[in-house]
């Protein structure tokens, strides 16, 4: 295939300068960051604009911002440099297969669950691997994925992922359960109706968070006015600290309680939350080349998820047998 002459005249150095200018918001700041002169930055941008025949930047007193043409080139340039970076990582992995950096995005509860379990497993076996973990809500993580700041996202979702540029794979099914500290009086009850907990002290994520809205839906599905959260926070650590007082209730995904690093003081209350079932998914950008180390992480996540499902199935069988024995049927 014949090479486009315009593409031949574009240089990677110029693209890198364009990215630095748009990120910094000014040519002077970009020049400082790149350790080159401001005239060299201006010349590189001007050369690109001459080559392409369009303006890439709008100049104003506050600095610069990309034109629509500039944004189109920047979007592709990010992909170009990401692919180059992944190519370098692949070469490094080929020369040292058990080393490399893996960048993972996860919601806070998933990060301390399956993500931590995979990291523990891989770091024990391959100590040269390094991991960068970003925790946030799903919308923010998707932005990080699109900006190629993370290689993948692992998150608990309650609806299908409809983003056209993202591949989504289900690792395991999960459900939310109501938990309290072992010292909470409710843990001594054999059966609890959801309505019984309406006036208790709850700590939940913010109302727009899917967990919080799922709690509201579960109560309303039972014809009960949902509880008011005394403390709203996205910090799982803070919620667990409050639970440890023995005065609060919250919800967590059931799989979290199957990991060795789970908060040992948490007890599941015998109350049904039929509307709070979700899936743990791993999400990656379509048509993006991942490093071998990242592919390694994904395969390990699949293995951990399989172990979770087996453990969950075993616990269910033990629970059924226990109920049969209590009923005198075994």
C-alpha atoms as a PDB file:
ATOM      1  CA  UNK A   1       0.000   0.000   0.000  1.00  0.00           C
ATOM      2  CA  UNK A   2       1.337   3.417  -1.001  1.00  0.00           C
ATOM      3  CA  UNK A   3       2.275   5.654   1.915  1.00  0.00           C
ATOM      4  CA  UNK A   4       0.329   8.918   2.246  1.00  0.00           C
ATOM      5  CA  UNK A   5       2.823  11.771   1.625  1.00  0.00           C
ATOM      6  CA  UNK A   6       1.219  13.883   4.378  1.00  0.00           C
ATOM      7  CA  UNK A   7       1.705  11.059   6.879  1.00  0.00           C
ATOM      8  CA  UNK A   8       5.317  10.691   5.743  1.00  0.00           C
ATOM      9  CA  UNK A   9       6.008  14.333   6.603  1.00  0.00           C
ATOM     10  CA  UNK A  10       4.522  14.097  10.118  1.00  0.00           C
ATOM     11  CA  UNK A  11       7.054  13.313  12.819  1.00  0.00           C
ATOM     12  CA  UNK A  12       6.558  11.576  16.164  1.00  0.00           C
ATOM     13  CA  UNK A  13       8.470  14.407  17.839  1.00  0.00           C
ATOM     14  CA  UNK A  14       5.918  16.915  16.512  1.00  0.00           C
ATOM     15  CA  UNK A  15       3.001  14.803  17.709  1.00  0.00           C
ATOM     16  CA  UNK A  16       4.558  14.528  21.158  1.00  0.00           C
ATOM     17  CA  UNK A  17       4.982  18.311  21.285  1.00  0.00           C
ATOM     18  CA  UNK A  18       1.329  18.812  20.250  1.00  0.00           C
ATOM     19  CA  UNK A  19       0.177  16.509  23.055  1.00  0.00           C
ATOM     20  CA  UNK A  20       2.361  18.331  25.580  1.00  0.00           C
ATOM     21  CA  UNK A  21       1.061  21.761  24.486  1.00  0.00           C
ATOM     22  CA  UNK A  22      -2.605  20.790  24.715  1.00  0.00           C
ATOM     23  CA  UNK A  23      -2.089  19.115  28.077  1.00  0.00           C
ATOM     24  CA  UNK A  24      -0.159  22.095  29.510  1.00  0.00           C
ATOM     25  CA  UNK A  25      -2.482  24.689  27.965  1.00  0.00           C
ATOM     26  CA  UNK A  26       0.373  26.873  26.743  1.00  0.00           C
ATOM     27  CA  UNK A  27       3.472  26.646  24.589  1.00  0.00           C
ATOM     28  CA  UNK A  28       5.680  28.147  27.299  1.00  0.00           C
ATOM     29  CA  UNK A  29       4.677  25.533  29.888  1.00  0.00           C
ATOM     30  CA  UNK A  30       5.087  22.737  27.337  1.00  0.00           C
ATOM     31  CA  UNK A  31       8.550  23.993  26.437  1.00  0.00           C
ATOM     32  CA  UNK A  32       9.562  23.906  30.102  1.00  0.00           C
ATOM     33  CA  UNK A  33       8.182  20.395  30.570  1.00  0.00           C
ATOM     34  CA  UNK A  34       9.919  19.124  27.425  1.00  0.00           C
ATOM     35  CA  UNK A  35      13.177  20.987  28.228  1.00  0.00           C
ATOM     36  CA  UNK A  36      13.278  22.687  24.829  1.00  0.00           C
ATOM     37  CA  UNK A  37      12.911  26.322  23.751  1.00  0.00           C
ATOM     38  CA  UNK A  38       9.528  27.940  23.176  1.00  0.00           C
ATOM     39  CA  UNK A  39      10.469  28.873  19.560  1.00  0.00           C
ATOM     40  CA  UNK A  40      11.158  25.169  18.909  1.00  0.00           C
ATOM     41  CA  UNK A  41       7.670  24.316  20.199  1.00  0.00           C
ATOM     42  CA  UNK A  42       6.051  27.039  18.067  1.00  0.00           C
ATOM     43  CA  UNK A  43       7.996  25.898  15.016  1.00  0.00           C
ATOM     44  CA  UNK A  44       6.931  22.252  15.445  1.00  0.00           C
ATOM     45  CA  UNK A  45       3.249  23.224  15.700  1.00  0.00           C
ATOM     46  CA  UNK A  46       3.555  25.562  12.704  1.00  0.00           C
ATOM     47  CA  UNK A  47       5.230  22.808  10.642  1.00  0.00           C
ATOM     48  CA  UNK A  48       2.368  20.411  11.392  1.00  0.00           C
ATOM     49  CA  UNK A  49      -0.254  23.016  10.519  1.00  0.00           C
ATOM     50  CA  UNK A  50       1.544  23.687   7.203  1.00  0.00           C
ATOM     51  CA  UNK A  51       1.760  19.965   6.444  1.00  0.00           C
ATOM     52  CA  UNK A  52      -1.921  19.362   7.189  1.00  0.00           C
ATOM     53  CA  UNK A  53      -3.209  22.671   5.818  1.00  0.00           C
ATOM     54  CA  UNK A  54      -5.380  23.384   8.873  1.00  0.00           C
ATOM     55  CA  UNK A  55      -5.046  25.179  12.217  1.00  0.00           C
ATOM     56  CA  UNK A  56      -4.481  22.758  15.081  1.00  0.00           C
ATOM     57  CA  UNK A  57      -4.580  25.279  17.936  1.00  0.00           C
ATOM     58  CA  UNK A  58      -6.532  28.386  18.819  1.00  0.00           C
ATOM     59  CA  UNK A  59      -4.261  30.975  20.437  1.00  0.00           C
ATOM     60  CA  UNK A  60      -5.605  33.385  23.052  1.00  0.00           C
ATOM     61  CA  UNK A  61      -4.294  35.434  25.975  1.00  0.00           C
ATOM     62  CA  UNK A  62      -4.797  32.592  28.480  1.00  0.00           C
ATOM     63  CA  UNK A  63      -2.904  30.088  26.340  1.00  0.00           C
ATOM     64  CA  UNK A  64      -3.967  27.651  23.639  1.00  0.00           C
ATOM     65  CA  UNK A  65      -6.698  25.082  23.059  1.00  0.00           C
ATOM     66  CA  UNK A  66      -7.111  22.540  20.247  1.00  0.00           C
ATOM     67  CA  UNK A  67      -9.363  23.218  17.248  1.00  0.00           C
ATOM     68  CA  UNK A  68     -11.647  20.406  16.027  1.00  0.00           C
ATOM     69  CA  UNK A  69      -8.813  19.432  13.655  1.00  0.00           C
ATOM     70  CA  UNK A  70      -6.396  19.445  16.569  1.00  0.00           C
ATOM     71  CA  UNK A  71      -8.684  17.253  18.690  1.00  0.00           C
ATOM     72  CA  UNK A  72      -8.971  14.724  15.846  1.00  0.00           C
ATOM     73  CA  UNK A  73      -5.179  14.459  15.553  1.00  0.00           C
ATOM     74  CA  UNK A  74      -4.678  14.371  19.334  1.00  0.00           C
ATOM     75  CA  UNK A  75      -7.151  11.483  19.707  1.00  0.00           C
ATOM     76  CA  UNK A  76      -5.205   9.373  17.209  1.00  0.00           C
ATOM     77  CA  UNK A  77      -1.839  10.483  18.573  1.00  0.00           C
ATOM     78  CA  UNK A  78      -2.750   9.169  22.025  1.00  0.00           C
ATOM     79  CA  UNK A  79      -3.426   5.787  20.397  1.00  0.00           C
ATOM     80  CA  UNK A  80      -0.138   5.897  18.456  1.00  0.00           C
ATOM     81  CA  UNK A  81       1.973   6.516  21.554  1.00  0.00           C
ATOM     82  CA  UNK A  82       0.002   3.975  23.577  1.00  0.00           C
ATOM     83  CA  UNK A  83       0.649   1.310  20.933  1.00  0.00           C
ATOM     84  CA  UNK A  84       4.343   2.223  20.888  1.00  0.00           C
ATOM     85  CA  UNK A  85       4.484   1.978  24.682  1.00  0.00           C
ATOM     86  CA  UNK A  86       2.766  -1.412  24.580  1.00  0.00           C
ATOM     87  CA  UNK A  87       5.212  -2.552  21.900  1.00  0.00           C
ATOM     88  CA  UNK A  88       8.158  -1.635  24.114  1.00  0.00           C
ATOM     89  CA  UNK A  89       6.502  -3.465  27.020  1.00  0.00           C
ATOM     90  CA  UNK A  90       6.008  -6.528  24.831  1.00  0.00           C
ATOM     91  CA  UNK A  91       9.691  -6.550  23.911  1.00  0.00           C
ATOM     92  CA  UNK A  92      10.607  -6.205  27.589  1.00  0.00           C
ATOM     93  CA  UNK A  93       8.228  -9.049  28.450  1.00  0.00           C
ATOM     94  CA  UNK A  94       9.747 -11.260  25.725  1.00  0.00           C
ATOM     95  CA  UNK A  95      13.211 -10.717  27.175  1.00  0.00           C
ATOM     96  CA  UNK A  96      11.972 -11.042  30.789  1.00  0.00           C
ATOM     97  CA  UNK A  97       8.536 -12.764  30.723  1.00  0.00           C
ATOM     98  CA  UNK A  98       7.823 -12.353  34.413  1.00  0.00           C
ATOM     99  CA  UNK A  99       8.375  -8.590  34.626  1.00  0.00           C
ATOM    100  CA  UNK A 100       6.459  -5.474  33.564  1.00  0.00           C
ATOM    101  CA  UNK A 101       3.936  -2.948  34.850  1.00  0.00           C
ATOM    102  CA  UNK A 102       0.193  -3.620  34.991  1.00  0.00           C
ATOM    103  CA  UNK A 103      -2.244  -0.709  35.382  1.00  0.00           C
ATOM    104  CA  UNK A 104      -5.646  -1.656  36.756  1.00  0.00           C
ATOM    105  CA  UNK A 105      -8.730   0.436  37.510  1.00  0.00           C
ATOM    106  CA  UNK A 106     -11.237  -0.842  40.042  1.00  0.00           C
ATOM    107  CA  UNK A 107     -14.091   0.321  42.197  1.00  0.00           C
ATOM    108  CA  UNK A 108     -12.968   0.515  45.860  1.00  0.00           C
ATOM    109  CA  UNK A 109     -14.769  -2.659  46.974  1.00  0.00           C
ATOM    110  CA  UNK A 110     -13.507  -4.672  44.009  1.00  0.00           C
ATOM    111  CA  UNK A 111      -9.965  -3.365  44.505  1.00  0.00           C
ATOM    112  CA  UNK A 112      -9.796  -4.817  48.025  1.00  0.00           C
ATOM    113  CA  UNK A 113     -11.385  -8.051  46.789  1.00  0.00           C
ATOM    114  CA  UNK A 114     -10.547  -9.745  43.508  1.00  0.00           C
ATOM    115  CA  UNK A 115      -7.942  -7.164  42.381  1.00  0.00           C
ATOM    116  CA  UNK A 116      -5.977  -7.549  45.623  1.00  0.00           C
ATOM    117  CA  UNK A 117      -6.272 -11.348  45.368  1.00  0.00           C
ATOM    118  CA  UNK A 118      -4.851 -11.394  41.830  1.00  0.00           C
ATOM    119  CA  UNK A 119      -2.012  -9.038  42.789  1.00  0.00           C
ATOM    120  CA  UNK A 120      -1.152 -11.200  45.801  1.00  0.00           C
ATOM    121  CA  UNK A 121      -1.134 -14.314  43.642  1.00  0.00           C
ATOM    122  CA  UNK A 122       1.020 -12.859  40.844  1.00  0.00           C
ATOM    123  CA  UNK A 123       3.430 -10.926  43.058  1.00  0.00           C
ATOM    124  CA  UNK A 124       4.240 -14.061  45.043  1.00  0.00           C
ATOM    125  CA  UNK A 125       5.033 -16.009  41.906  1.00  0.00           C
ATOM    126  CA  UNK A 126       6.594 -13.190  39.861  1.00  0.00           C
ATOM    127  CA  UNK A 127       8.150 -10.581  42.197  1.00  0.00           C
ATOM    128  CA  UNK A 128       9.474  -8.511  39.262  1.00  0.00           C
ATOM    129  CA  UNK A 129       5.944  -7.514  38.198  1.00  0.00           C
ATOM    130  CA  UNK A 130       4.728  -4.086  39.344  1.00  0.00           C
ATOM    131  CA  UNK A 131       1.141  -2.897  39.695  1.00  0.00           C
ATOM    132  CA  UNK A 132      -0.494   0.531  39.500  1.00  0.00           C
ATOM    133  CA  UNK A 133      -4.077   0.525  40.810  1.00  0.00           C
ATOM    134  CA  UNK A 134      -6.554   3.383  40.375  1.00  0.00           C
ATOM    135  CA  UNK A 135      -9.745   3.273  42.483  1.00  0.00           C
ATOM    136  CA  UNK A 136     -12.799   5.361  41.620  1.00  0.00           C
ATOM    137  CA  UNK A 137     -16.424   5.168  40.520  1.00  0.00           C
ATOM    138  CA  UNK A 138     -17.129   3.453  37.182  1.00  0.00           C
ATOM    139  CA  UNK A 139     -17.686   6.637  35.090  1.00  0.00           C
ATOM    140  CA  UNK A 140     -14.320   8.053  36.199  1.00  0.00           C
ATOM    141  CA  UNK A 141     -12.608   4.711  35.568  1.00  0.00           C
ATOM    142  CA  UNK A 142     -14.025   4.579  32.044  1.00  0.00           C
ATOM    143  CA  UNK A 143     -12.466   7.987  31.367  1.00  0.00           C
ATOM    144  CA  UNK A 144      -9.142   6.655  32.673  1.00  0.00           C
ATOM    145  CA  UNK A 145      -9.486   3.633  30.360  1.00  0.00           C
ATOM    146  CA  UNK A 146     -10.243   5.798  27.321  1.00  0.00           C
ATOM    147  CA  UNK A 147      -7.278   8.029  28.144  1.00  0.00           C
ATOM    148  CA  UNK A 148      -5.192   4.850  28.350  1.00  0.00           C
ATOM    149  CA  UNK A 149      -4.114   5.592  31.904  1.00  0.00           C
ATOM    150  CA  UNK A 150      -5.227   2.073  32.894  1.00  0.00           C
ATOM    151  CA  UNK A 151      -5.089  -1.145  30.897  1.00  0.00           C
ATOM    152  CA  UNK A 152      -8.346  -2.548  32.224  1.00  0.00           C
ATOM    153  CA  UNK A 153     -11.200  -2.012  34.675  1.00  0.00           C
ATOM    154  CA  UNK A 154     -12.597  -4.594  37.077  1.00  0.00           C
ATOM    155  CA  UNK A 155     -15.918  -3.546  38.589  1.00  0.00           C
ATOM    156  CA  UNK A 156     -19.220  -4.814  39.951  1.00  0.00           C
ATOM    157  CA  UNK A 157     -22.055  -3.788  37.620  1.00  0.00           C
ATOM    158  CA  UNK A 158     -25.809  -4.139  37.819  1.00  0.00           C
ATOM    159  CA  UNK A 159     -26.582  -3.462  34.146  1.00  0.00           C
ATOM    160  CA  UNK A 160     -24.980  -4.540  30.837  1.00  0.00           C
ATOM    161  CA  UNK A 161     -22.089  -2.380  29.651  1.00  0.00           C
ATOM    162  CA  UNK A 162     -23.406  -0.530  26.590  1.00  0.00           C
ATOM    163  CA  UNK A 163     -20.293   1.521  25.732  1.00  0.00           C
ATOM    164  CA  UNK A 164     -19.550   0.880  22.051  1.00  0.00           C
ATOM    165  CA  UNK A 165     -15.781   1.208  22.378  1.00  0.00           C
ATOM    166  CA  UNK A 166     -15.423  -1.112  25.361  1.00  0.00           C
ATOM    167  CA  UNK A 167     -15.245  -4.911  25.527  1.00  0.00           C
ATOM    168  CA  UNK A 168     -16.847  -6.394  28.632  1.00  0.00           C
ATOM    169  CA  UNK A 169     -16.335  -9.903  29.996  1.00  0.00           C
ATOM    170  CA  UNK A 170     -18.230 -11.360  32.961  1.00  0.00           C
ATOM    171  CA  UNK A 171     -15.881 -12.858  35.539  1.00  0.00           C
ATOM    172  CA  UNK A 172     -18.480 -14.016  38.049  1.00  0.00           C
ATOM    173  CA  UNK A 173     -21.966 -13.323  39.304  1.00  0.00           C
ATOM    174  CA  UNK A 174     -22.302 -11.678  42.685  1.00  0.00           C
ATOM    175  CA  UNK A 175     -24.914 -10.320  45.022  1.00  0.00           C
ATOM    176  CA  UNK A 176     -25.093  -7.724  47.740  1.00  0.00           C
ATOM    177  CA  UNK A 177     -25.659  -8.722  51.345  1.00  0.00           C
ATOM    178  CA  UNK A 178     -26.433  -6.734  54.479  1.00  0.00           C
ATOM    179  CA  UNK A 179     -23.586  -6.887  56.994  1.00  0.00           C
ATOM    180  CA  UNK A 180     -22.903  -5.752  60.542  1.00  0.00           C
ATOM    181  CA  UNK A 181     -20.175  -6.245  63.121  1.00  0.00           C
ATOM    182  CA  UNK A 182     -20.345  -9.441  65.154  1.00  0.00           C
ATOM    183  CA  UNK A 183     -21.178  -7.302  68.213  1.00  0.00           C
ATOM    184  CA  UNK A 184     -24.303  -5.878  66.591  1.00  0.00           C
ATOM    185  CA  UNK A 185     -27.488  -7.341  68.219  1.00  0.00           C
ATOM    186  CA  UNK A 186     -28.988  -8.137  64.795  1.00  0.00           C
ATOM    187  CA  UNK A 187     -26.350 -10.847  64.202  1.00  0.00           C
ATOM    188  CA  UNK A 188     -28.041 -12.965  66.887  1.00  0.00           C
ATOM    189  CA  UNK A 189     -31.295 -13.165  64.918  1.00  0.00           C
ATOM    190  CA  UNK A 190     -31.962 -16.253  62.770  1.00  0.00           C
ATOM    191  CA  UNK A 191     -34.351 -14.479  60.434  1.00  0.00           C
ATOM    192  CA  UNK A 192     -34.824 -10.810  59.660  1.00  0.00           C
ATOM    193  CA  UNK A 193     -37.333  -9.037  57.448  1.00  0.00           C
ATOM    194  CA  UNK A 194     -36.085  -6.069  55.488  1.00  0.00           C
ATOM    195  CA  UNK A 195     -38.700  -3.872  57.162  1.00  0.00           C
ATOM    196  CA  UNK A 196     -37.088  -4.612  60.534  1.00  0.00           C
ATOM    197  CA  UNK A 197     -33.984  -2.694  59.470  1.00  0.00           C
ATOM    198  CA  UNK A 198     -35.667   0.447  58.166  1.00  0.00           C
ATOM    199  CA  UNK A 199     -34.886   2.512  61.272  1.00  0.00           C
ATOM    200  CA  UNK A 200     -31.357   1.234  61.895  1.00  0.00           C
ATOM    201  CA  UNK A 201     -28.139   3.226  61.497  1.00  0.00           C
ATOM    202  CA  UNK A 202     -27.004   2.753  57.889  1.00  0.00           C
ATOM    203  CA  UNK A 203     -23.802   3.867  56.184  1.00  0.00           C
ATOM    204  CA  UNK A 204     -23.961   3.781  52.385  1.00  0.00           C
ATOM    205  CA  UNK A 205     -22.356   5.359  49.328  1.00  0.00           C
ATOM    206  CA  UNK A 206     -23.844   8.596  47.972  1.00  0.00           C
ATOM    207  CA  UNK A 207     -27.468   8.348  46.718  1.00  0.00           C
ATOM    208  CA  UNK A 208     -26.395   8.329  43.045  1.00  0.00           C
ATOM    209  CA  UNK A 209     -24.157   5.317  43.643  1.00  0.00           C
ATOM    210  CA  UNK A 210     -25.670   2.084  42.289  1.00  0.00           C
ATOM    211  CA  UNK A 211     -25.356   0.320  45.657  1.00  0.00           C
ATOM    212  CA  UNK A 212     -27.313   3.017  47.444  1.00  0.00           C
ATOM    213  CA  UNK A 213     -30.041   3.088  44.793  1.00  0.00           C
ATOM    214  CA  UNK A 214     -30.245  -0.722  44.911  1.00  0.00           C
ATOM    215  CA  UNK A 215     -30.905  -0.574  48.666  1.00  0.00           C
ATOM    216  CA  UNK A 216     -33.724   1.909  48.029  1.00  0.00           C
ATOM    217  CA  UNK A 217     -35.172  -0.367  45.327  1.00  0.00           C
ATOM    218  CA  UNK A 218     -34.997  -3.435  47.600  1.00  0.00           C
ATOM    219  CA  UNK A 219     -36.920  -1.715  50.406  1.00  0.00           C
ATOM    220  CA  UNK A 220     -39.536  -0.281  48.056  1.00  0.00           C
ATOM    221  CA  UNK A 221     -39.986  -3.667  46.370  1.00  0.00           C
ATOM    222  CA  UNK A 222     -40.974  -4.944  49.829  1.00  0.00           C
ATOM    223  CA  UNK A 223     -43.418  -2.076  50.313  1.00  0.00           C
ATOM    224  CA  UNK A 224     -41.199  -0.411  52.918  1.00  0.00           C
ATOM    225  CA  UNK A 225     -39.927   3.162  53.036  1.00  0.00           C
ATOM    226  CA  UNK A 226     -36.145   2.987  52.503  1.00  0.00           C
ATOM    227  CA  UNK A 227     -33.848   3.910  55.403  1.00  0.00           C
ATOM    228  CA  UNK A 228     -32.010   7.210  55.635  1.00  0.00           C
ATOM    229  CA  UNK A 229     -28.255   6.725  55.608  1.00  0.00           C
ATOM    230  CA  UNK A 230     -26.723   8.321  58.701  1.00  0.00           C
ATOM    231  CA  UNK A 231     -23.341   8.424  56.943  1.00  0.00           C
ATOM    232  CA  UNK A 232     -22.857   8.572  53.161  1.00  0.00           C
ATOM    233  CA  UNK A 233     -19.354   7.953  51.820  1.00  0.00           C
ATOM    234  CA  UNK A 234     -17.583   6.154  48.979  1.00  0.00           C
ATOM    235  CA  UNK A 235     -14.834   5.124  51.399  1.00  0.00           C
ATOM    236  CA  UNK A 236     -15.160   1.417  52.168  1.00  0.00           C
ATOM    237  CA  UNK A 237     -12.557   1.885  54.915  1.00  0.00           C
ATOM    238  CA  UNK A 238     -14.724   4.476  56.683  1.00  0.00           C
ATOM    239  CA  UNK A 239     -17.841   2.299  56.395  1.00  0.00           C
ATOM    240  CA  UNK A 240     -15.967  -0.658  57.888  1.00  0.00           C
ATOM    241  CA  UNK A 241     -14.626   1.540  60.691  1.00  0.00           C
ATOM    242  CA  UNK A 242     -18.183   2.598  61.531  1.00  0.00           C
ATOM    243  CA  UNK A 243     -19.399  -0.997  61.362  1.00  0.00           C
ATOM    244  CA  UNK A 244     -16.719  -2.003  63.871  1.00  0.00           C
ATOM    245  CA  UNK A 245     -18.525   0.108  66.504  1.00  0.00           C
ATOM    246  CA  UNK A 246     -21.387  -2.412  66.387  1.00  0.00           C
ATOM    247  CA  UNK A 247     -23.948   0.323  65.675  1.00  0.00           C
ATOM    248  CA  UNK A 248     -24.096   0.479  61.874  1.00  0.00           C
ATOM    249  CA  UNK A 249     -25.275  -1.603  58.918  1.00  0.00           C
ATOM    250  CA  UNK A 250     -24.168  -1.509  55.290  1.00  0.00           C
ATOM    251  CA  UNK A 251     -24.130  -3.654  52.164  1.00  0.00           C
ATOM    252  CA  UNK A 252     -21.132  -5.345  50.539  1.00  0.00           C
ATOM    253  CA  UNK A 253     -20.740  -7.778  47.663  1.00  0.00           C
ATOM    254  CA  UNK A 254     -20.855 -11.340  48.947  1.00  0.00           C
ATOM    255  CA  UNK A 255     -17.631 -12.331  47.194  1.00  0.00           C
ATOM    256  CA  UNK A 256     -15.653  -9.858  49.346  1.00  0.00           C
ATOM    257  CA  UNK A 257     -16.289 -12.100  52.364  1.00  0.00           C
ATOM    258  CA  UNK A 258     -14.596 -15.037  50.627  1.00  0.00           C
ATOM    259  CA  UNK A 259     -11.160 -13.427  50.431  1.00  0.00           C
ATOM    260  CA  UNK A 260      -8.518 -13.887  53.154  1.00  0.00           C
ATOM    261  CA  UNK A 261      -8.141 -10.096  53.538  1.00  0.00           C
ATOM    262  CA  UNK A 262     -11.838  -9.567  54.321  1.00  0.00           C
ATOM    263  CA  UNK A 263     -12.740  -7.629  57.480  1.00  0.00           C
ATOM    264  CA  UNK A 264     -12.955 -10.522  59.947  1.00  0.00           C
ATOM    265  CA  UNK A 265     -15.538  -8.825  62.169  1.00  0.00           C
ATOM    266  CA  UNK A 266     -18.225  -8.626  59.456  1.00  0.00           C
ATOM    267  CA  UNK A 267     -21.248 -10.915  59.698  1.00  0.00           C
ATOM    268  CA  UNK A 268     -23.926 -11.367  57.057  1.00  0.00           C
ATOM    269  CA  UNK A 269     -27.435 -10.751  58.332  1.00  0.00           C
ATOM    270  CA  UNK A 270     -30.118 -13.306  57.345  1.00  0.00           C
ATOM    271  CA  UNK A 271     -32.142 -10.911  55.204  1.00  0.00           C
ATOM    272  CA  UNK A 272     -32.939 -11.316  51.516  1.00  0.00           C
ATOM    273  CA  UNK A 273     -32.038  -8.632  48.954  1.00  0.00           C
ATOM    274  CA  UNK A 274     -33.537 -10.092  45.772  1.00  0.00           C
ATOM    275  CA  UNK A 275     -33.020  -6.980  43.634  1.00  0.00           C
ATOM    276  CA  UNK A 276     -29.323  -6.635  44.449  1.00  0.00           C
ATOM    277  CA  UNK A 277     -27.605  -9.098  42.147  1.00  0.00           C
ATOM    278  CA  UNK A 278     -24.820  -8.038  39.828  1.00  0.00           C
ATOM    279  CA  UNK A 279     -21.836  -9.238  37.870  1.00  0.00           C
ATOM    280  CA  UNK A 280     -18.139  -8.590  38.264  1.00  0.00           C
ATOM    281  CA  UNK A 281     -16.825  -7.588  34.856  1.00  0.00           C
ATOM    282  CA  UNK A 282     -13.458  -6.933  33.337  1.00  0.00           C
ATOM    283  CA  UNK A 283     -13.494  -4.114  30.779  1.00  0.00           C
ATOM    284  CA  UNK A 284     -10.915  -3.239  28.131  1.00  0.00           C
ATOM    285  CA  UNK A 285     -10.835  -0.908  25.136  1.00  0.00           C
ATOM    286  CA  UNK A 286     -11.782  -2.502  21.844  1.00  0.00           C
ATOM    287  CA  UNK A 287      -8.992  -2.883  19.294  1.00  0.00           C
ATOM    288  CA  UNK A 288      -6.358  -1.925  21.850  1.00  0.00           C
ATOM    289  CA  UNK A 289      -3.229  -4.030  22.087  1.00  0.00           C
ATOM    290  CA  UNK A 290      -2.511  -5.004  25.683  1.00  0.00           C
ATOM    291  CA  UNK A 291       0.930  -5.872  26.980  1.00  0.00           C
ATOM    292  CA  UNK A 292       1.620  -9.559  27.703  1.00  0.00           C
ATOM    293  CA  UNK A 293       1.797  -8.708  31.415  1.00  0.00           C
ATOM    294  CA  UNK A 294      -1.734  -7.232  31.287  1.00  0.00           C
ATOM    295  CA  UNK A 295      -3.001 -10.304  29.436  1.00  0.00           C
ATOM    296  CA  UNK A 296      -1.322 -12.331  32.183  1.00  0.00           C
ATOM    297  CA  UNK A 297      -3.290 -10.379  34.817  1.00  0.00           C
ATOM    298  CA  UNK A 298      -6.595 -10.940  32.991  1.00  0.00           C
ATOM    299  CA  UNK A 299      -6.006 -14.697  32.788  1.00  0.00           C
ATOM    300  CA  UNK A 300      -5.206 -14.794  36.503  1.00  0.00           C
ATOM    301  CA  UNK A 301      -8.396 -12.820  37.257  1.00  0.00           C
ATOM    302  CA  UNK A 302     -10.389 -15.463  35.374  1.00  0.00           C
ATOM    303  CA  UNK A 303      -8.793 -18.199  37.471  1.00  0.00           C
ATOM    304  CA  UNK A 304      -9.533 -16.392  40.744  1.00  0.00           C
ATOM    305  CA  UNK A 305     -13.141 -15.836  39.614  1.00  0.00           C
ATOM    306  CA  UNK A 306     -13.527 -19.569  38.903  1.00  0.00           C
ATOM    307  CA  UNK A 307     -12.263 -20.373  42.397  1.00  0.00           C
ATOM    308  CA  UNK A 308     -14.788 -17.896  43.817  1.00  0.00           C
ATOM    309  CA  UNK A 309     -17.657 -19.563  41.978  1.00  0.00           C
ATOM    310  CA  UNK A 310     -16.575 -23.011  43.170  1.00  0.00           C
ATOM    311  CA  UNK A 311     -16.292 -21.783  46.749  1.00  0.00           C
ATOM    312  CA  UNK A 312     -19.683 -20.078  46.536  1.00  0.00           C
ATOM    313  CA  UNK A 313     -21.270 -23.259  45.168  1.00  0.00           C
ATOM    314  CA  UNK A 314     -19.695 -25.340  47.971  1.00  0.00           C
ATOM    315  CA  UNK A 315     -20.907 -22.893  50.631  1.00  0.00           C
ATOM    316  CA  UNK A 316     -24.411 -23.042  49.148  1.00  0.00           C
ATOM    317  CA  UNK A 317     -24.433 -26.855  49.299  1.00  0.00           C
ATOM    318  CA  UNK A 318     -23.263 -26.800  52.931  1.00  0.00           C
ATOM    319  CA  UNK A 319     -25.960 -24.249  53.781  1.00  0.00           C
ATOM    320  CA  UNK A 320     -28.702 -26.374  52.152  1.00  0.00           C
ATOM    321  CA  UNK A 321     -27.528 -29.485  53.996  1.00  0.00           C
ATOM    322  CA  UNK A 322     -27.502 -27.540  57.276  1.00  0.00           C
ATOM    323  CA  UNK A 323     -31.107 -26.425  56.714  1.00  0.00           C
ATOM    324  CA  UNK A 324     -32.140 -29.999  55.835  1.00  0.00           C
ATOM    325  CA  UNK A 325     -30.598 -31.321  59.059  1.00  0.00           C
ATOM    326  CA  UNK A 326     -32.372 -28.664  61.130  1.00  0.00           C
ATOM    327  CA  UNK A 327     -35.639 -29.672  59.498  1.00  0.00           C
ATOM    328  CA  UNK A 328     -34.985 -33.387  60.197  1.00  0.00           C
ATOM    329  CA  UNK A 329     -34.851 -34.288  56.485  1.00  0.00           C
ATOM    330  CA  UNK A 330     -31.287 -35.620  56.363  1.00  0.00           C
END
